[in-house]
Amino acid sequence: LSFFKEALVDIENQLIKVNDDPRLLVSKGKILAYLGENKMAIKYGRMATEIVSVDNDKLQGVDYNYDLAKIYSICGEFEKSIKEIRKIQKAQPKMAIVGFLTNDAEFSNIQDYPGFRQLINDYKEEQNI
């Protein structure tokens, strides 16, 4: 936990200089999620997607929706995590993401969740894999 606390101090110092950088906001959200500060973690993840998301940038926005999905997953909000990934799927249906979803350690706790398994199956079907 001390690593995450140190990282949080660093991110907060950077946010003092640039308070609307979605990279920093989503990073703070992920750190807070690992520290168990779920409500604040989600708040910062959402703040990042309010700046850049697949809704306003189908290319770069994917990263922020993907990170928000990770935050939701870490926080145990599986349905919300799936909803974010579905946004990516809708915006980029052929994106090669199945391998990332099934092998990303930050999604380890959602792998056996039925809705997540269905999402993976939907991607595979859509992409003929």
N, C-alpha and C. Protein backbone atom coordinates (compact mmCIF):
# COMPACT_ATOMS: atom_id res chain seq x y z
N LEU A 1 0.81 -1.22 0.00
CA LEU A 1 0.00 0.00 0.00
C LEU A 1 0.85 1.27 0.00
N SER A 2 2.03 1.18 0.56
CA SER A 2 2.86 2.39 0.61
C SER A 2 3.24 2.86 -0.79
N PHE A 3 3.42 1.91 -1.73
CA PHE A 3 3.71 2.29 -3.11
C PHE A 3 2.58 3.14 -3.67
N PHE A 4 1.32 2.71 -3.44
CA PHE A 4 0.18 3.44 -3.97
C PHE A 4 0.04 4.79 -3.29
N LYS A 5 0.33 4.86 -2.02
CA LYS A 5 0.26 6.14 -1.31
C LYS A 5 1.31 7.12 -1.84
N GLU A 6 2.50 6.61 -2.12
CA GLU A 6 3.55 7.46 -2.69
C GLU A 6 3.15 7.92 -4.10
N ALA A 7 2.60 7.00 -4.87
CA ALA A 7 2.15 7.35 -6.23
C ALA A 7 1.04 8.39 -6.18
N LEU A 8 0.16 8.27 -5.20
CA LEU A 8 -0.94 9.24 -5.06
C LEU A 8 -0.39 10.64 -4.79
N VAL A 9 0.59 10.74 -3.93
CA VAL A 9 1.21 12.05 -3.63
C VAL A 9 1.81 12.63 -4.91
N ASP A 10 2.50 11.80 -5.68
CA ASP A 10 3.12 12.26 -6.92
C ASP A 10 2.07 12.76 -7.91
N ILE A 11 1.01 11.98 -8.10
CA ILE A 11 -0.07 12.37 -9.04
C ILE A 11 -0.74 13.65 -8.57
N GLU A 12 -1.00 13.76 -7.28
CA GLU A 12 -1.65 14.97 -6.76
C GLU A 12 -0.77 16.20 -6.99
N ASN A 13 0.53 16.04 -6.84
CA ASN A 13 1.45 17.16 -7.11
C ASN A 13 1.41 17.55 -8.58
N GLN A 14 1.33 16.57 -9.46
CA GLN A 14 1.24 16.87 -10.89
C GLN A 14 -0.09 17.53 -11.23
N LEU A 15 -1.16 17.10 -10.57
CA LEU A 15 -2.48 17.68 -10.83
C LEU A 15 -2.58 19.13 -10.37
N ILE A 16 -1.75 19.53 -9.44
CA ILE A 16 -1.72 20.94 -9.03
C ILE A 16 -1.31 21.81 -10.22
N LYS A 17 -0.37 21.30 -11.01
CA LYS A 17 0.12 22.05 -12.17
C LYS A 17 -0.83 21.97 -13.36
N VAL A 18 -1.42 20.80 -13.57
CA VAL A 18 -2.31 20.56 -14.73
C VAL A 18 -3.51 19.77 -14.23
N ASN A 19 -4.55 20.47 -13.79
CA ASN A 19 -5.65 19.79 -13.12
C ASN A 19 -6.68 19.15 -14.06
N ASP A 20 -6.51 19.33 -15.36
CA ASP A 20 -7.50 18.76 -16.28
C ASP A 20 -6.87 17.80 -17.29
N ASP A 21 -5.76 17.20 -16.91
CA ASP A 21 -5.11 16.23 -17.78
C ASP A 21 -5.76 14.87 -17.54
N PRO A 22 -6.46 14.32 -18.54
CA PRO A 22 -7.17 13.06 -18.32
C PRO A 22 -6.25 11.91 -17.95
N ARG A 23 -5.01 11.94 -18.40
CA ARG A 23 -4.05 10.88 -18.04
C ARG A 23 -3.80 10.87 -16.55
N LEU A 24 -3.65 12.06 -15.98
CA LEU A 24 -3.41 12.16 -14.54
C LEU A 24 -4.67 11.83 -13.75
N LEU A 25 -5.80 12.28 -14.24
CA LEU A 25 -7.06 12.01 -13.55
C LEU A 25 -7.36 10.52 -13.48
N VAL A 26 -7.19 9.83 -14.60
CA VAL A 26 -7.48 8.40 -14.61
C VAL A 26 -6.44 7.64 -13.79
N SER A 27 -5.21 8.11 -13.80
CA SER A 27 -4.17 7.48 -12.97
C SER A 27 -4.51 7.62 -11.49
N LYS A 28 -4.97 8.80 -11.11
CA LYS A 28 -5.37 9.00 -9.72
C LYS A 28 -6.54 8.08 -9.38
N GLY A 29 -7.46 7.94 -10.32
CA GLY A 29 -8.59 7.04 -10.09
C GLY A 29 -8.15 5.61 -9.86
N LYS A 30 -7.22 5.13 -10.67
CA LYS A 30 -6.73 3.75 -10.50
C LYS A 30 -6.00 3.58 -9.17
N ILE A 31 -5.20 4.55 -8.80
CA ILE A 31 -4.48 4.47 -7.53
C ILE A 31 -5.48 4.43 -6.38
N LEU A 32 -6.48 5.31 -6.42
CA LEU A 32 -7.49 5.33 -5.36
C LEU A 32 -8.26 4.01 -5.30
N ALA A 33 -8.50 3.42 -6.46
CA ALA A 33 -9.20 2.12 -6.48
C ALA A 33 -8.38 1.07 -5.73
N TYR A 34 -7.08 1.04 -5.98
CA TYR A 34 -6.22 0.08 -5.28
C TYR A 34 -6.11 0.37 -3.79
N LEU A 35 -6.31 1.61 -3.41
CA LEU A 35 -6.31 1.98 -1.99
C LEU A 35 -7.67 1.75 -1.32
N GLY A 36 -8.65 1.30 -2.11
CA GLY A 36 -9.98 1.01 -1.55
C GLY A 36 -10.87 2.23 -1.45
N GLU A 37 -10.47 3.33 -2.06
CA GLU A 37 -11.27 4.56 -2.04
C GLU A 37 -12.17 4.56 -3.28
N ASN A 38 -13.11 3.64 -3.31
CA ASN A 38 -13.89 3.38 -4.51
C ASN A 38 -14.66 4.59 -5.04
N LYS A 39 -15.34 5.29 -4.15
CA LYS A 39 -16.16 6.42 -4.60
C LYS A 39 -15.30 7.49 -5.28
N MET A 40 -14.18 7.82 -4.67
CA MET A 40 -13.29 8.83 -5.25
C MET A 40 -12.60 8.30 -6.49
N ALA A 41 -12.27 7.02 -6.50
CA ALA A 41 -11.64 6.41 -7.68
C ALA A 41 -12.53 6.57 -8.89
N ILE A 42 -13.78 6.22 -8.72
CA ILE A 42 -14.75 6.31 -9.81
C ILE A 42 -14.94 7.77 -10.24
N LYS A 43 -14.97 8.66 -9.27
CA LYS A 43 -15.12 10.09 -9.58
C LYS A 43 -14.00 10.55 -10.51
N TYR A 44 -12.76 10.21 -10.19
CA TYR A 44 -11.64 10.65 -11.01
C TYR A 44 -11.62 9.96 -12.37
N GLY A 45 -11.99 8.70 -12.41
CA GLY A 45 -12.09 8.01 -13.69
C GLY A 45 -13.13 8.66 -14.60
N ARG A 46 -14.26 9.01 -14.01
CA ARG A 46 -15.30 9.69 -14.79
C ARG A 46 -14.87 11.08 -15.24
N MET A 47 -14.13 11.78 -14.38
CA MET A 47 -13.65 13.10 -14.77
C MET A 47 -12.78 13.01 -16.02
N ALA A 48 -11.96 11.97 -16.10
CA ALA A 48 -11.11 11.79 -17.28
C ALA A 48 -11.97 11.55 -18.52
N THR A 49 -13.01 10.71 -18.39
CA THR A 49 -13.84 10.42 -19.57
C THR A 49 -14.76 11.58 -19.92
N GLU A 50 -14.95 12.51 -19.01
CA GLU A 50 -15.71 13.72 -19.37
C GLU A 50 -14.87 14.60 -20.30
N ILE A 51 -13.55 14.46 -20.22
CA ILE A 51 -12.65 15.24 -21.07
C ILE A 51 -12.41 14.52 -22.40
N VAL A 52 -12.07 13.23 -22.33
CA VAL A 52 -11.82 12.42 -23.52
C VAL A 52 -12.46 11.05 -23.32
N SER A 53 -13.31 10.66 -24.26
CA SER A 53 -13.93 9.33 -24.21
C SER A 53 -14.27 8.91 -25.64
N VAL A 54 -14.75 7.69 -25.79
CA VAL A 54 -15.13 7.23 -27.12
C VAL A 54 -16.31 8.03 -27.66
N ASP A 55 -17.01 8.72 -26.78
CA ASP A 55 -18.14 9.54 -27.22
C ASP A 55 -17.67 10.76 -28.01
N ASN A 56 -16.47 11.28 -27.69
CA ASN A 56 -16.00 12.47 -28.39
C ASN A 56 -14.68 12.27 -29.14
N ASP A 57 -14.07 11.09 -28.98
CA ASP A 57 -12.83 10.79 -29.69
C ASP A 57 -12.70 9.27 -29.80
N LYS A 58 -13.15 8.73 -30.92
CA LYS A 58 -13.21 7.28 -31.08
C LYS A 58 -11.84 6.61 -31.08
N LEU A 59 -10.79 7.37 -31.25
CA LEU A 59 -9.45 6.80 -31.27
C LEU A 59 -8.80 6.86 -29.89
N GLN A 60 -8.54 8.07 -29.39
CA GLN A 60 -7.87 8.22 -28.10
C GLN A 60 -8.81 7.96 -26.92
N GLY A 61 -10.08 8.17 -27.13
CA GLY A 61 -11.04 7.98 -26.05
C GLY A 61 -11.11 6.56 -25.54
N VAL A 62 -10.78 5.61 -26.41
CA VAL A 62 -10.81 4.20 -26.01
C VAL A 62 -9.98 3.98 -24.75
N ASP A 63 -8.82 4.60 -24.69
CA ASP A 63 -7.93 4.41 -23.54
C ASP A 63 -8.60 4.81 -22.22
N TYR A 64 -9.33 5.90 -22.25
CA TYR A 64 -9.92 6.40 -21.01
C TYR A 64 -11.14 5.59 -20.60
N ASN A 65 -11.94 5.15 -21.56
CA ASN A 65 -13.05 4.26 -21.22
C ASN A 65 -12.52 2.92 -20.71
N TYR A 66 -11.43 2.45 -21.32
CA TYR A 66 -10.81 1.20 -20.90
C TYR A 66 -10.30 1.33 -19.46
N ASP A 67 -9.65 2.45 -19.15
CA ASP A 67 -9.16 2.65 -17.79
C ASP A 67 -10.30 2.83 -16.79
N LEU A 68 -11.38 3.49 -17.20
CA LEU A 68 -12.53 3.60 -16.31
C LEU A 68 -13.13 2.22 -16.06
N ALA A 69 -13.16 1.38 -17.09
CA ALA A 69 -13.65 0.01 -16.92
C ALA A 69 -12.77 -0.74 -15.91
N LYS A 70 -11.47 -0.51 -15.97
CA LYS A 70 -10.56 -1.14 -15.00
C LYS A 70 -10.87 -0.66 -13.59
N ILE A 71 -11.08 0.64 -13.44
CA ILE A 71 -11.40 1.19 -12.12
C ILE A 71 -12.67 0.54 -11.59
N TYR A 72 -13.70 0.48 -12.42
CA TYR A 72 -14.94 -0.16 -11.99
C TYR A 72 -14.69 -1.61 -11.59
N SER A 73 -13.90 -2.32 -12.37
CA SER A 73 -13.61 -3.72 -12.07
C SER A 73 -12.88 -3.87 -10.74
N ILE A 74 -11.85 -3.07 -10.53
CA ILE A 74 -11.09 -3.11 -9.28
C ILE A 74 -12.00 -2.83 -8.10
N CYS A 75 -12.97 -1.93 -8.30
CA CYS A 75 -13.90 -1.54 -7.24
C CYS A 75 -15.05 -2.54 -7.07
N GLY A 76 -15.09 -3.56 -7.92
CA GLY A 76 -16.15 -4.57 -7.82
C GLY A 76 -17.44 -4.18 -8.51
N GLU A 77 -17.42 -3.11 -9.30
CA GLU A 77 -18.61 -2.65 -10.03
C GLU A 77 -18.59 -3.27 -11.42
N PHE A 78 -18.85 -4.57 -11.49
CA PHE A 78 -18.67 -5.32 -12.72
C PHE A 78 -19.59 -4.88 -13.85
N GLU A 79 -20.84 -4.63 -13.55
CA GLU A 79 -21.78 -4.22 -14.61
C GLU A 79 -21.37 -2.88 -15.21
N LYS A 80 -20.90 -1.97 -14.38
CA LYS A 80 -20.45 -0.67 -14.89
C LYS A 80 -19.18 -0.83 -15.72
N SER A 81 -18.33 -1.75 -15.31
CA SER A 81 -17.11 -2.04 -16.08
C SER A 81 -17.49 -2.55 -17.47
N ILE A 82 -18.41 -3.48 -17.50
CA ILE A 82 -18.87 -4.04 -18.77
C ILE A 82 -19.50 -2.96 -19.65
N LYS A 83 -20.25 -2.08 -19.03
CA LYS A 83 -20.88 -0.99 -19.79
C LYS A 83 -19.84 -0.12 -20.49
N GLU A 84 -18.74 0.18 -19.80
CA GLU A 84 -17.67 0.97 -20.43
C GLU A 84 -17.04 0.22 -21.59
N ILE A 85 -16.82 -1.06 -21.40
CA ILE A 85 -16.22 -1.85 -22.48
C ILE A 85 -17.18 -1.94 -23.66
N ARG A 86 -18.46 -2.03 -23.39
CA ARG A 86 -19.45 -2.06 -24.48
C ARG A 86 -19.43 -0.75 -25.27
N LYS A 87 -19.16 0.36 -24.61
CA LYS A 87 -19.03 1.63 -25.32
C LYS A 87 -17.87 1.55 -26.32
N ILE A 88 -16.78 0.95 -25.87
CA ILE A 88 -15.63 0.77 -26.76
C ILE A 88 -16.01 -0.15 -27.92
N GLN A 89 -16.70 -1.23 -27.59
CA GLN A 89 -17.12 -2.19 -28.61
C GLN A 89 -18.00 -1.53 -29.67
N LYS A 90 -18.90 -0.67 -29.22
CA LYS A 90 -19.79 0.03 -30.15
C LYS A 90 -19.01 0.99 -31.05
N ALA A 91 -18.06 1.70 -30.47
CA ALA A 91 -17.28 2.68 -31.22
C ALA A 91 -16.24 2.03 -32.12
N GLN A 92 -15.65 0.94 -31.67
CA GLN A 92 -14.58 0.25 -32.40
C GLN A 92 -14.85 -1.26 -32.40
N PRO A 93 -15.85 -1.72 -33.15
CA PRO A 93 -16.26 -3.14 -33.07
C PRO A 93 -15.19 -4.13 -33.51
N LYS A 94 -14.27 -3.71 -34.31
CA LYS A 94 -13.23 -4.64 -34.80
C LYS A 94 -11.91 -4.48 -34.05
N MET A 95 -11.91 -3.69 -33.00
CA MET A 95 -10.69 -3.46 -32.25
C MET A 95 -10.20 -4.77 -31.62
N ALA A 96 -8.93 -5.03 -31.74
CA ALA A 96 -8.33 -6.25 -31.18
C ALA A 96 -8.17 -6.09 -29.67
N ILE A 97 -9.22 -6.38 -28.93
CA ILE A 97 -9.21 -6.12 -27.50
C ILE A 97 -9.40 -7.39 -26.66
N VAL A 98 -9.82 -8.49 -27.27
CA VAL A 98 -10.12 -9.71 -26.51
C VAL A 98 -8.92 -10.16 -25.70
N GLY A 99 -7.75 -10.17 -26.32
CA GLY A 99 -6.54 -10.58 -25.60
C GLY A 99 -6.23 -9.69 -24.42
N PHE A 100 -6.44 -8.39 -24.59
CA PHE A 100 -6.21 -7.47 -23.48
C PHE A 100 -7.19 -7.75 -22.34
N LEU A 101 -8.45 -7.92 -22.68
CA LEU A 101 -9.47 -8.13 -21.66
C LEU A 101 -9.24 -9.42 -20.88
N THR A 102 -8.83 -10.46 -21.58
CA THR A 102 -8.68 -11.76 -20.91
C THR A 102 -7.33 -11.94 -20.22
N ASN A 103 -6.37 -11.06 -20.51
CA ASN A 103 -5.04 -11.21 -19.92
C ASN A 103 -4.58 -10.03 -19.07
N ASP A 104 -5.38 -8.99 -18.99
CA ASP A 104 -5.02 -7.81 -18.22
C ASP A 104 -5.24 -8.08 -16.73
N ALA A 105 -4.18 -7.98 -15.94
CA ALA A 105 -4.26 -8.27 -14.51
C ALA A 105 -5.29 -7.40 -13.79
N GLU A 106 -5.53 -6.20 -14.32
CA GLU A 106 -6.49 -5.32 -13.65
C GLU A 106 -7.93 -5.75 -13.89
N PHE A 107 -8.12 -6.74 -14.75
CA PHE A 107 -9.44 -7.34 -14.94
C PHE A 107 -9.51 -8.76 -14.36
N SER A 108 -8.54 -9.11 -13.53
CA SER A 108 -8.49 -10.49 -13.01
C SER A 108 -9.71 -10.86 -12.18
N ASN A 109 -10.26 -9.92 -11.44
CA ASN A 109 -11.39 -10.25 -10.57
C ASN A 109 -12.73 -10.33 -11.30
N ILE A 110 -12.78 -10.01 -12.57
CA ILE A 110 -14.03 -10.01 -13.32
C ILE A 110 -14.08 -11.18 -14.33
N GLN A 111 -12.99 -11.90 -14.47
CA GLN A 111 -12.88 -12.91 -15.52
C GLN A 111 -13.99 -13.97 -15.48
N ASP A 112 -14.44 -14.37 -14.31
CA ASP A 112 -15.46 -15.41 -14.20
C ASP A 112 -16.87 -14.86 -14.08
N TYR A 113 -17.01 -13.56 -14.11
CA TYR A 113 -18.34 -12.94 -14.00
C TYR A 113 -19.12 -13.22 -15.29
N PRO A 114 -20.34 -13.75 -15.19
CA PRO A 114 -21.09 -14.15 -16.39
C PRO A 114 -21.25 -13.04 -17.44
N GLY A 115 -21.51 -11.83 -17.01
CA GLY A 115 -21.65 -10.73 -17.96
C GLY A 115 -20.36 -10.44 -18.71
N PHE A 116 -19.24 -10.61 -18.05
CA PHE A 116 -17.94 -10.42 -18.70
C PHE A 116 -17.67 -11.54 -19.69
N ARG A 117 -17.99 -12.77 -19.30
CA ARG A 117 -17.82 -13.91 -20.21
C ARG A 117 -18.67 -13.70 -21.47
N GLN A 118 -19.88 -13.18 -21.29
CA GLN A 118 -20.75 -12.91 -22.44
C GLN A 118 -20.15 -11.83 -23.32
N LEU A 119 -19.59 -10.81 -22.71
CA LEU A 119 -18.93 -9.74 -23.47
C LEU A 119 -17.80 -10.31 -24.32
N ILE A 120 -16.98 -11.16 -23.75
CA ILE A 120 -15.88 -11.78 -24.49
C ILE A 120 -16.43 -12.62 -25.64
N ASN A 121 -17.46 -13.38 -25.36
CA ASN A 121 -18.07 -14.20 -26.42
C ASN A 121 -18.65 -13.33 -27.53
N ASP A 122 -19.26 -12.22 -27.16
CA ASP A 122 -19.81 -11.29 -28.17
C ASP A 122 -18.70 -10.73 -29.06
N TYR A 123 -17.59 -10.34 -28.43
CA TYR A 123 -16.46 -9.84 -29.21
C TYR A 123 -15.95 -10.91 -30.17
N LYS A 124 -15.78 -12.12 -29.65
CA LYS A 124 -15.27 -13.21 -30.50
C LYS A 124 -16.20 -13.48 -31.68
N GLU A 125 -17.48 -13.47 -31.41
CA GLU A 125 -18.46 -13.70 -32.48
C GLU A 125 -18.42 -12.60 -33.51
N GLU A 126 -18.39 -11.36 -33.03
CA GLU A 126 -18.37 -10.20 -33.93
C GLU A 126 -17.11 -10.18 -34.80
N GLN A 127 -16.01 -10.68 -34.24
CA GLN A 127 -14.73 -10.64 -34.95
C GLN A 127 -14.37 -11.97 -35.60
N ASN A 128 -15.28 -12.94 -35.52
CA ASN A 128 -15.05 -14.27 -36.10
C ASN A 128 -13.78 -14.92 -35.61
N ILE A 129 -13.58 -14.88 -34.28
CA ILE A 129 -12.39 -15.53 -33.70
C ILE A 129 -12.81 -16.58 -32.69
